[in-house]
Amino acid sequence: MNEESILAGLPRQHPNLILGPGDDAAIFRPKAAEDLVFTTDMFIEGVHFRKLAPKEVGRRALARALSDIAAMGADPRFCLASVAFPKSADKTWIAQFFVGLMLLASETSTAIAGGDLSHARHLVADITVCGAVPRGKALRRDTARPGDILYVSGPLGGWRNRTEIAPRLALGKQLRGKATACMDISDGLALDLHRLCKASAVSAVLDDIPLLPNASLKQALHDGEDYELLYTAPPKTRVPGLRIGALRKGRPGQILLDGAPINPTGYDHFSRTRP
């Protein structure tokens, strides 16, 4: 297996992708009256995962980035996949990695427009995704307001209790024009809610946190990698999801649970190591 054979196996059909894998750069022609949104996410062996089947590694590498696209209320358009494989990754392992990535790309109508291939001591996958949303309709984290109700898209529990990542793309689109703010939960509810509240200059009061089976409240608050959506909406606006509290005026970023402030800590690459 070499770089040419890997590229030859990547799908190339997409209505807006004029030129894809195989040239020096991709050409993508966006539709009129839409905003493009971009995100990038690194997935590193020994940092984000240890023992996963190659197919699952490929799927998760893309799913993490697609979760950011969902949080913006956008549709994914294309991705760039830059991957460095270790020596231990043989032909079969690499092929299965791309099977996982391509399956999710197909499920979500995400064209694989290109990327880069290299080698490293451990696997490193850097996935960039471009999404699109009707002009001016993207969801943001800095537009929540006092009085808004807080929701999550599903039960929480952190990486110890979550068996798969499912980017909430359909829900993100449903929230356009209804949610006042939105983001995904990648680093733990406490830290990510703190970020949303700081960006919107509000505080939050939590009253109920739905948990995955066997998960603890501490894990849901601080462990991270749930990849559910965290969003807000006015009290009279009906949105899908699970209510967990409300926003109010107060010290920006403060979070209260059972009347007491909680420490807004979560997974941070620069302050802790992954268990």
C-alpha atoms as a PDB file:
ATOM      1  CA  MET A   1       0.000   0.000   0.000  1.00  0.00           C
ATOM      2  CA  ASN A   2       1.258   3.484  -0.886  1.00  0.00           C
ATOM      3  CA  GLU A   3      -0.135   7.018  -0.994  1.00  0.00           C
ATOM      4  CA  GLU A   4      -1.440   6.629  -4.548  1.00  0.00           C
ATOM      5  CA  SER A   5      -3.353   3.455  -3.749  1.00  0.00           C
ATOM      6  CA  ILE A   6      -4.931   5.062  -0.676  1.00  0.00           C
ATOM      7  CA  LEU A   7      -6.024   8.111  -2.676  1.00  0.00           C
ATOM      8  CA  ALA A   8      -7.407   5.899  -5.422  1.00  0.00           C
ATOM      9  CA  GLY A   9      -9.787   4.324  -2.924  1.00  0.00           C
ATOM     10  CA  LEU A  10     -11.348   7.593  -1.770  1.00  0.00           C
ATOM     11  CA  PRO A  11     -14.763   8.590  -3.160  1.00  0.00           C
ATOM     12  CA  ARG A  12     -14.783  11.674  -5.375  1.00  0.00           C
ATOM     13  CA  GLN A  13     -18.424  12.385  -6.201  1.00  0.00           C
ATOM     14  CA  HIS A  14     -20.098  15.477  -4.681  1.00  0.00           C
ATOM     15  CA  PRO A  15     -22.215  18.080  -6.501  1.00  0.00           C
ATOM     16  CA  ASN A  16     -20.197  21.050  -5.219  1.00  0.00           C
ATOM     17  CA  LEU A  17     -16.757  19.418  -5.262  1.00  0.00           C
ATOM     18  CA  ILE A  18     -15.270  20.436  -8.594  1.00  0.00           C
ATOM     19  CA  LEU A  19     -11.857  18.889  -7.921  1.00  0.00           C
ATOM     20  CA  GLY A  20     -11.017  16.493  -5.107  1.00  0.00           C
ATOM     21  CA  PRO A  21      -8.293  14.051  -4.033  1.00  0.00           C
ATOM     22  CA  GLY A  22      -5.405  13.590  -6.440  1.00  0.00           C
ATOM     23  CA  ASP A  23      -4.496  17.195  -7.271  1.00  0.00           C
ATOM     24  CA  ASP A  24      -2.534  19.791  -5.278  1.00  0.00           C
ATOM     25  CA  ALA A  25      -5.699  21.287  -3.780  1.00  0.00           C
ATOM     26  CA  ALA A  26      -9.448  20.821  -3.825  1.00  0.00           C
ATOM     27  CA  ILE A  27     -11.947  23.103  -5.536  1.00  0.00           C
ATOM     28  CA  PHE A  28     -15.309  23.527  -3.837  1.00  0.00           C
ATOM     29  CA  ARG A  29     -18.048  25.754  -5.245  1.00  0.00           C
ATOM     30  CA  PRO A  30     -20.488  26.859  -2.500  1.00  0.00           C
ATOM     31  CA  LYS A  31     -24.136  27.569  -3.093  1.00  0.00           C
ATOM     32  CA  ALA A  32     -25.449  31.117  -3.128  1.00  0.00           C
ATOM     33  CA  ALA A  33     -26.908  32.657   0.044  1.00  0.00           C
ATOM     34  CA  GLU A  34     -25.095  30.372   2.466  1.00  0.00           C
ATOM     35  CA  ASP A  35     -22.346  30.874   5.020  1.00  0.00           C
ATOM     36  CA  LEU A  36     -19.493  28.382   5.192  1.00  0.00           C
ATOM     37  CA  VAL A  37     -18.333  27.211   8.604  1.00  0.00           C
ATOM     38  CA  PHE A  38     -15.022  25.489   9.258  1.00  0.00           C
ATOM     39  CA  THR A  39     -13.652  23.380  12.077  1.00  0.00           C
ATOM     40  CA  THR A  40     -10.635  21.175  12.677  1.00  0.00           C
ATOM     41  CA  ASP A  41     -10.128  18.432  15.242  1.00  0.00           C
ATOM     42  CA  MET A  42      -7.061  16.391  16.143  1.00  0.00           C
ATOM     43  CA  PHE A  43      -7.408  12.755  17.228  1.00  0.00           C
ATOM     44  CA  ILE A  44      -4.172  11.427  18.732  1.00  0.00           C
ATOM     45  CA  GLU A  45      -3.308   7.936  19.893  1.00  0.00           C
ATOM     46  CA  GLY A  46      -2.342   7.953  23.563  1.00  0.00           C
ATOM     47  CA  VAL A  47      -4.097  11.275  24.131  1.00  0.00           C
ATOM     48  CA  HIS A  48      -7.669  10.782  22.890  1.00  0.00           C
ATOM     49  CA  PHE A  49      -7.742   6.994  22.640  1.00  0.00           C
ATOM     50  CA  ARG A  50      -5.686   3.906  23.426  1.00  0.00           C
ATOM     51  CA  LYS A  51      -7.244   0.651  22.249  1.00  0.00           C
ATOM     52  CA  LEU A  52      -9.797   0.959  19.473  1.00  0.00           C
ATOM     53  CA  ALA A  53     -10.431  -1.044  16.327  1.00  0.00           C
ATOM     54  CA  PRO A  54      -9.094   0.796  13.249  1.00  0.00           C
ATOM     55  CA  LYS A  55     -12.576   1.157  11.771  1.00  0.00           C
ATOM     56  CA  GLU A  56     -13.744   2.879  14.955  1.00  0.00           C
ATOM     57  CA  VAL A  57     -10.658   5.128  15.003  1.00  0.00           C
ATOM     58  CA  GLY A  58     -11.490   6.349  11.502  1.00  0.00           C
ATOM     59  CA  ARG A  59     -15.134   6.911  12.352  1.00  0.00           C
ATOM     60  CA  ARG A  60     -14.397   8.799  15.569  1.00  0.00           C
ATOM     61  CA  ALA A  61     -11.778  10.969  13.911  1.00  0.00           C
ATOM     62  CA  LEU A  62     -14.470  12.389  11.632  1.00  0.00           C
ATOM     63  CA  ALA A  63     -17.341  12.251  14.152  1.00  0.00           C
ATOM     64  CA  ARG A  64     -15.575  14.603  16.569  1.00  0.00           C
ATOM     65  CA  ALA A  65     -15.232  17.295  13.908  1.00  0.00           C
ATOM     66  CA  LEU A  66     -18.778  16.754  12.634  1.00  0.00           C
ATOM     67  CA  SER A  67     -20.043  17.427  16.158  1.00  0.00           C
ATOM     68  CA  ASP A  68     -18.708  20.986  15.845  1.00  0.00           C
ATOM     69  CA  ILE A  69     -20.567  21.368  12.557  1.00  0.00           C
ATOM     70  CA  ALA A  70     -23.758  20.140  14.243  1.00  0.00           C
ATOM     71  CA  ALA A  71     -23.294  22.701  17.016  1.00  0.00           C
ATOM     72  CA  MET A  72     -23.369  25.466  14.402  1.00  0.00           C
ATOM     73  CA  GLY A  73     -26.617  24.163  12.912  1.00  0.00           C
ATOM     74  CA  ALA A  74     -24.786  23.465   9.662  1.00  0.00           C
ATOM     75  CA  ASP A  75     -24.757  20.727   7.036  1.00  0.00           C
ATOM     76  CA  PRO A  76     -21.334  19.184   6.381  1.00  0.00           C
ATOM     77  CA  ARG A  77     -20.038  19.710   2.871  1.00  0.00           C
ATOM     78  CA  PHE A  78     -16.504  18.273   2.722  1.00  0.00           C
ATOM     79  CA  CYS A  79     -13.587  17.244   4.894  1.00  0.00           C
ATOM     80  CA  LEU A  80      -9.807  17.229   4.621  1.00  0.00           C
ATOM     81  CA  ALA A  81      -8.213  14.242   6.351  1.00  0.00           C
ATOM     82  CA  SER A  82      -4.553  14.538   7.310  1.00  0.00           C
ATOM     83  CA  VAL A  83      -3.332  11.319   8.912  1.00  0.00           C
ATOM     84  CA  ALA A  84       0.050  10.146  10.169  1.00  0.00           C
ATOM     85  CA  PHE A  85       0.165   6.357  10.630  1.00  0.00           C
ATOM     86  CA  PRO A  86       2.559   4.476  12.945  1.00  0.00           C
ATOM     87  CA  LYS A  87       4.755   1.626  11.699  1.00  0.00           C
ATOM     88  CA  SER A  88       2.454  -0.853  13.441  1.00  0.00           C
ATOM     89  CA  ALA A  89      -0.403   0.086  11.092  1.00  0.00           C
ATOM     90  CA  ASP A  90      -0.248  -2.443   8.276  1.00  0.00           C
ATOM     91  CA  LYS A  91      -2.177  -2.453   5.001  1.00  0.00           C
ATOM     92  CA  THR A  92      -5.270  -4.001   6.576  1.00  0.00           C
ATOM     93  CA  TRP A  93      -5.278  -1.574   9.520  1.00  0.00           C
ATOM     94  CA  ILE A  94      -4.999   1.469   7.246  1.00  0.00           C
ATOM     95  CA  ALA A  95      -7.715   0.152   4.939  1.00  0.00           C
ATOM     96  CA  GLN A  96     -10.075  -0.385   7.887  1.00  0.00           C
ATOM     97  CA  PHE A  97      -9.331   3.106   9.215  1.00  0.00           C
ATOM     98  CA  PHE A  98     -10.521   4.590   5.932  1.00  0.00           C
ATOM     99  CA  VAL A  99     -13.522   2.260   5.837  1.00  0.00           C
ATOM    100  CA  GLY A 100     -14.689   3.752   9.144  1.00  0.00           C
ATOM    101  CA  LEU A 101     -14.035   7.296   8.006  1.00  0.00           C
ATOM    102  CA  MET A 102     -15.686   6.821   4.617  1.00  0.00           C
ATOM    103  CA  LEU A 103     -18.771   5.124   6.050  1.00  0.00           C
ATOM    104  CA  LEU A 104     -19.512   8.093   8.286  1.00  0.00           C
ATOM    105  CA  ALA A 105     -18.671  10.495   5.470  1.00  0.00           C
ATOM    106  CA  SER A 106     -21.215   8.690   3.285  1.00  0.00           C
ATOM    107  CA  GLU A 107     -23.852   8.631   6.032  1.00  0.00           C
ATOM    108  CA  THR A 108     -23.526  12.378   6.531  1.00  0.00           C
ATOM    109  CA  SER A 109     -23.027  13.416   2.870  1.00  0.00           C
ATOM    110  CA  THR A 110     -19.544  14.684   3.654  1.00  0.00           C
ATOM    111  CA  ALA A 111     -17.239  14.654   0.637  1.00  0.00           C
ATOM    112  CA  ILE A 112     -13.615  13.681   1.264  1.00  0.00           C
ATOM    113  CA  ALA A 113     -11.886  16.486  -0.624  1.00  0.00           C
ATOM    114  CA  GLY A 114      -8.267  15.656   0.218  1.00  0.00           C
ATOM    115  CA  GLY A 115      -5.769  15.957   3.046  1.00  0.00           C
ATOM    116  CA  ASP A 116      -2.267  14.647   3.700  1.00  0.00           C
ATOM    117  CA  LEU A 117      -0.605  11.343   4.588  1.00  0.00           C
ATOM    118  CA  SER A 118       2.515  10.783   6.647  1.00  0.00           C
ATOM    119  CA  HIS A 119       3.992   8.572   9.379  1.00  0.00           C
ATOM    120  CA  ALA A 120       4.628   9.125  13.080  1.00  0.00           C
ATOM    121  CA  ARG A 121       5.393   7.225  16.258  1.00  0.00           C
ATOM    122  CA  HIS A 122       1.677   7.180  17.119  1.00  0.00           C
ATOM    123  CA  LEU A 123      -1.400   7.718  14.987  1.00  0.00           C
ATOM    124  CA  VAL A 124      -2.378  11.355  14.510  1.00  0.00           C
ATOM    125  CA  ALA A 125      -5.521  12.286  12.572  1.00  0.00           C
ATOM    126  CA  ASP A 126      -6.264  15.939  11.920  1.00  0.00           C
ATOM    127  CA  ILE A 127      -9.695  16.305  10.323  1.00  0.00           C
ATOM    128  CA  THR A 128     -10.901  19.614   8.889  1.00  0.00           C
ATOM    129  CA  VAL A 129     -14.574  19.902   7.977  1.00  0.00           C
ATOM    130  CA  CYS A 130     -16.360  22.586   5.998  1.00  0.00           C
ATOM    131  CA  GLY A 131     -20.079  22.985   6.592  1.00  0.00           C
ATOM    132  CA  ALA A 132     -22.717  25.322   5.251  1.00  0.00           C
ATOM    133  CA  VAL A 133     -25.693  27.062   6.800  1.00  0.00           C
ATOM    134  CA  PRO A 134     -28.235  29.533   5.374  1.00  0.00           C
ATOM    135  CA  ARG A 135     -26.739  33.002   5.495  1.00  0.00           C
ATOM    136  CA  GLY A 136     -26.974  34.517   8.973  1.00  0.00           C
ATOM    137  CA  LYS A 137     -28.527  31.399  10.554  1.00  0.00           C
ATOM    138  CA  ALA A 138     -25.490  29.760  12.165  1.00  0.00           C
ATOM    139  CA  LEU A 139     -25.844  28.878  15.859  1.00  0.00           C
ATOM    140  CA  ARG A 140     -23.304  30.494  18.164  1.00  0.00           C
ATOM    141  CA  ARG A 141     -22.294  30.292  21.811  1.00  0.00           C
ATOM    142  CA  ASP A 142     -22.264  34.060  22.489  1.00  0.00           C
ATOM    143  CA  THR A 143     -25.954  34.793  21.872  1.00  0.00           C
ATOM    144  CA  ALA A 144     -27.712  33.233  24.895  1.00  0.00           C
ATOM    145  CA  ARG A 145     -29.855  35.511  27.082  1.00  0.00           C
ATOM    146  CA  PRO A 146     -30.958  35.651  30.734  1.00  0.00           C
ATOM    147  CA  GLY A 147     -34.185  33.685  31.137  1.00  0.00           C
ATOM    148  CA  ASP A 148     -33.329  31.151  28.438  1.00  0.00           C
ATOM    149  CA  ILE A 149     -33.858  27.481  29.255  1.00  0.00           C
ATOM    150  CA  LEU A 150     -30.845  25.152  29.093  1.00  0.00           C
ATOM    151  CA  TYR A 151     -31.027  21.846  27.206  1.00  0.00           C
ATOM    152  CA  VAL A 152     -28.817  18.926  26.259  1.00  0.00           C
ATOM    153  CA  SER A 153     -29.449  16.556  23.376  1.00  0.00           C
ATOM    154  CA  GLY A 154     -29.022  13.383  25.443  1.00  0.00           C
ATOM    155  CA  PRO A 155     -27.815  11.824  28.699  1.00  0.00           C
ATOM    156  CA  LEU A 156     -24.249  12.577  29.778  1.00  0.00           C
ATOM    157  CA  GLY A 157     -21.528  10.512  31.400  1.00  0.00           C
ATOM    158  CA  GLY A 158     -18.169  11.238  29.837  1.00  0.00           C
ATOM    159  CA  TRP A 159     -15.799   9.054  27.877  1.00  0.00           C
ATOM    160  CA  ARG A 160     -15.795   6.198  30.414  1.00  0.00           C
ATOM    161  CA  ASN A 161     -19.494   5.547  29.841  1.00  0.00           C
ATOM    162  CA  ARG A 162     -19.997   6.433  26.173  1.00  0.00           C
ATOM    163  CA  THR A 163     -19.524   3.638  23.665  1.00  0.00           C
ATOM    164  CA  GLU A 164     -19.903   5.709  20.488  1.00  0.00           C
ATOM    165  CA  ILE A 165     -19.973   9.266  19.205  1.00  0.00           C
ATOM    166  CA  ALA A 166     -22.993  10.294  17.152  1.00  0.00           C
ATOM    167  CA  PRO A 167     -22.767  13.862  15.800  1.00  0.00           C
ATOM    168  CA  ARG A 168     -26.184  15.509  16.257  1.00  0.00           C
ATOM    169  CA  LEU A 169     -26.397  16.976  12.769  1.00  0.00           C
ATOM    170  CA  ALA A 170     -30.161  16.591  12.327  1.00  0.00           C
ATOM    171  CA  LEU A 171     -30.859  18.192  15.697  1.00  0.00           C
ATOM    172  CA  GLY A 172     -28.514  21.085  14.969  1.00  0.00           C
ATOM    173  CA  LYS A 173     -30.512  21.880  11.838  1.00  0.00           C
ATOM    174  CA  GLN A 174     -33.788  21.673  13.791  1.00  0.00           C
ATOM    175  CA  LEU A 175     -32.486  24.267  16.232  1.00  0.00           C
ATOM    176  CA  ARG A 176     -31.874  26.915  13.561  1.00  0.00           C
ATOM    177  CA  GLY A 177     -34.179  29.844  14.245  1.00  0.00           C
ATOM    178  CA  LYS A 178     -35.210  28.395  17.636  1.00  0.00           C
ATOM    179  CA  ALA A 179     -32.128  28.052  19.825  1.00  0.00           C
ATOM    180  CA  THR A 180     -30.526  31.257  21.041  1.00  0.00           C
ATOM    181  CA  ALA A 181     -27.103  29.612  21.505  1.00  0.00           C
ATOM    182  CA  CYS A 182     -25.519  26.216  20.989  1.00  0.00           C
ATOM    183  CA  MET A 183     -22.235  24.327  21.351  1.00  0.00           C
ATOM    184  CA  ASP A 184     -21.161  20.714  21.670  1.00  0.00           C
ATOM    185  CA  ILE A 185     -19.995  19.096  24.901  1.00  0.00           C
ATOM    186  CA  SER A 186     -16.471  17.876  24.273  1.00  0.00           C
ATOM    187  CA  ASP A 187     -14.656  18.776  27.505  1.00  0.00           C
ATOM    188  CA  GLY A 188     -17.356  18.158  30.115  1.00  0.00           C
ATOM    189  CA  LEU A 189     -20.650  19.891  30.892  1.00  0.00           C
ATOM    190  CA  ALA A 190     -19.194  22.118  33.622  1.00  0.00           C
ATOM    191  CA  LEU A 191     -16.359  23.531  31.520  1.00  0.00           C
ATOM    192  CA  ASP A 192     -18.337  23.848  28.289  1.00  0.00           C
ATOM    193  CA  LEU A 193     -21.339  25.474  29.986  1.00  0.00           C
ATOM    194  CA  HIS A 194     -18.924  27.871  31.681  1.00  0.00           C
ATOM    195  CA  ARG A 195     -17.561  28.776  28.246  1.00  0.00           C
ATOM    196  CA  LEU A 196     -21.049  29.372  26.831  1.00  0.00           C
ATOM    197  CA  CYS A 197     -22.007  31.523  29.817  1.00  0.00           C
ATOM    198  CA  LYS A 198     -18.789  33.546  29.638  1.00  0.00           C
ATOM    199  CA  ALA A 199     -19.268  34.151  25.912  1.00  0.00           C
ATOM    200  CA  SER A 200     -22.879  35.268  26.468  1.00  0.00           C
ATOM    201  CA  ALA A 201     -22.214  37.214  29.717  1.00  0.00           C
ATOM    202  CA  VAL A 202     -24.744  35.188  31.743  1.00  0.00           C
ATOM    203  CA  SER A 203     -24.732  32.702  34.629  1.00  0.00           C
ATOM    204  CA  ALA A 204     -26.473  29.304  34.811  1.00  0.00           C
ATOM    205  CA  VAL A 205     -28.539  27.376  37.339  1.00  0.00           C
ATOM    206  CA  LEU A 206     -28.626  23.604  36.863  1.00  0.00           C
ATOM    207  CA  ASP A 207     -31.578  21.648  38.228  1.00  0.00           C
ATOM    208  CA  ASP A 208     -31.378  18.216  36.595  1.00  0.00           C
ATOM    209  CA  ILE A 209     -28.627  16.407  34.668  1.00  0.00           C
ATOM    210  CA  PRO A 210     -29.591  13.228  32.787  1.00  0.00           C
ATOM    211  CA  LEU A 211     -26.982  10.496  33.165  1.00  0.00           C
ATOM    212  CA  LEU A 212     -25.945   7.553  31.040  1.00  0.00           C
ATOM    213  CA  PRO A 213     -26.276   4.122  32.689  1.00  0.00           C
ATOM    214  CA  ASN A 214     -23.625   3.649  35.397  1.00  0.00           C
ATOM    215  CA  ALA A 215     -22.363   7.217  35.010  1.00  0.00           C
ATOM    216  CA  SER A 216     -21.787   9.474  37.996  1.00  0.00           C
ATOM    217  CA  LEU A 217     -22.663  13.153  38.247  1.00  0.00           C
ATOM    218  CA  LYS A 218     -18.959  13.950  38.556  1.00  0.00           C
ATOM    219  CA  GLN A 219     -18.192  12.141  35.303  1.00  0.00           C
ATOM    220  CA  ALA A 220     -20.999  13.937  33.479  1.00  0.00           C
ATOM    221  CA  LEU A 221     -19.812  17.309  34.740  1.00  0.00           C
ATOM    222  CA  HIS A 222     -16.075  16.958  34.247  1.00  0.00           C
ATOM    223  CA  ASP A 223     -14.894  13.996  32.130  1.00  0.00           C
ATOM    224  CA  GLY A 224     -15.741  15.172  28.612  1.00  0.00           C
ATOM    225  CA  GLU A 225     -16.170  13.519  25.210  1.00  0.00           C
ATOM    226  CA  ASP A 226     -19.951  13.224  25.369  1.00  0.00           C
ATOM    227  CA  TYR A 227     -20.376  15.105  22.076  1.00  0.00           C
ATOM    228  CA  GLU A 228     -23.993  15.913  22.855  1.00  0.00           C
ATOM    229  CA  LEU A 229     -25.283  19.395  22.074  1.00  0.00           C
ATOM    230  CA  LEU A 230     -25.712  22.018  24.810  1.00  0.00           C
ATOM    231  CA  TYR A 231     -28.169  24.738  23.809  1.00  0.00           C
ATOM    232  CA  THR A 232     -30.545  27.437  25.011  1.00  0.00           C
ATOM    233  CA  ALA A 233     -33.987  28.622  23.961  1.00  0.00           C
ATOM    234  CA  PRO A 234     -36.610  31.090  25.231  1.00  0.00           C
ATOM    235  CA  PRO A 235     -39.098  29.612  27.749  1.00  0.00           C
ATOM    236  CA  LYS A 236     -42.017  29.602  25.290  1.00  0.00           C
ATOM    237  CA  THR A 237     -40.045  28.074  22.414  1.00  0.00           C
ATOM    238  CA  ARG A 238     -40.512  24.328  22.002  1.00  0.00           C
ATOM    239  CA  VAL A 239     -37.320  22.487  21.146  1.00  0.00           C
ATOM    240  CA  PRO A 240     -36.355  18.799  21.345  1.00  0.00           C
ATOM    241  CA  GLY A 241     -33.972  17.655  24.035  1.00  0.00           C
ATOM    242  CA  LEU A 242     -33.672  17.392  27.812  1.00  0.00           C
ATOM    243  CA  ARG A 243     -34.010  20.430  30.074  1.00  0.00           C
ATOM    244  CA  ILE A 244     -31.161  20.803  32.578  1.00  0.00           C
ATOM    245  CA  GLY A 245     -31.621  24.333  33.931  1.00  0.00           C
ATOM    246  CA  ALA A 246     -31.846  27.992  33.001  1.00  0.00           C
ATOM    247  CA  LEU A 247     -29.763  31.102  32.458  1.00  0.00           C
ATOM    248  CA  ARG A 248     -29.948  34.266  34.478  1.00  0.00           C
ATOM    249  CA  LYS A 249     -28.195  37.544  35.082  1.00  0.00           C
ATOM    250  CA  GLY A 250     -25.160  37.220  37.292  1.00  0.00           C
ATOM    251  CA  ARG A 251     -21.427  36.778  37.222  1.00  0.00           C
ATOM    252  CA  PRO A 252     -20.612  35.663  33.668  1.00  0.00           C
ATOM    253  CA  GLY A 253     -19.589  32.015  33.646  1.00  0.00           C
ATOM    254  CA  GLN A 254     -20.873  31.122  37.114  1.00  0.00           C
ATOM    255  CA  ILE A 255     -22.755  27.817  37.402  1.00  0.00           C
ATOM    256  CA  LEU A 256     -24.938  26.895  40.371  1.00  0.00           C
ATOM    257  CA  LEU A 257     -26.053  23.360  41.218  1.00  0.00           C
ATOM    258  CA  ASP A 258     -28.315  22.770  44.237  1.00  0.00           C
ATOM    259  CA  GLY A 259     -27.729  26.383  45.214  1.00  0.00           C
ATOM    260  CA  ALA A 260     -23.937  26.082  45.336  1.00  0.00           C
ATOM    261  CA  PRO A 261     -21.357  27.116  42.738  1.00  0.00           C
ATOM    262  CA  ILE A 262     -19.543  24.296  40.960  1.00  0.00           C
ATOM    263  CA  ASN A 263     -15.969  24.337  39.768  1.00  0.00           C
ATOM    264  CA  PRO A 264     -15.976  24.731  35.960  1.00  0.00           C
ATOM    265  CA  THR A 265     -13.286  22.163  35.293  1.00  0.00           C
ATOM    266  CA  GLY A 266     -13.149  19.553  32.560  1.00  0.00           C
ATOM    267  CA  TYR A 267     -10.712  17.989  30.147  1.00  0.00           C
ATOM    268  CA  ASP A 268      -7.950  20.454  29.304  1.00  0.00           C
ATOM    269  CA  HIS A 269      -4.890  19.375  27.319  1.00  0.00           C
ATOM    270  CA  PHE A 270      -2.700  21.898  29.108  1.00  0.00           C
ATOM    271  CA  SER A 271      -3.699  21.272  32.715  1.00  0.00           C
ATOM    272  CA  ARG A 272      -4.229  17.523  33.008  1.00  0.00           C
ATOM    273  CA  THR A 273      -3.368  14.231  31.382  1.00  0.00           C
ATOM    274  CA  ARG A 274      -5.911  11.770  30.138  1.00  0.00           C
ATOM    275  CA  PRO A 275      -6.521   8.866  32.548  1.00  0.00           C
END
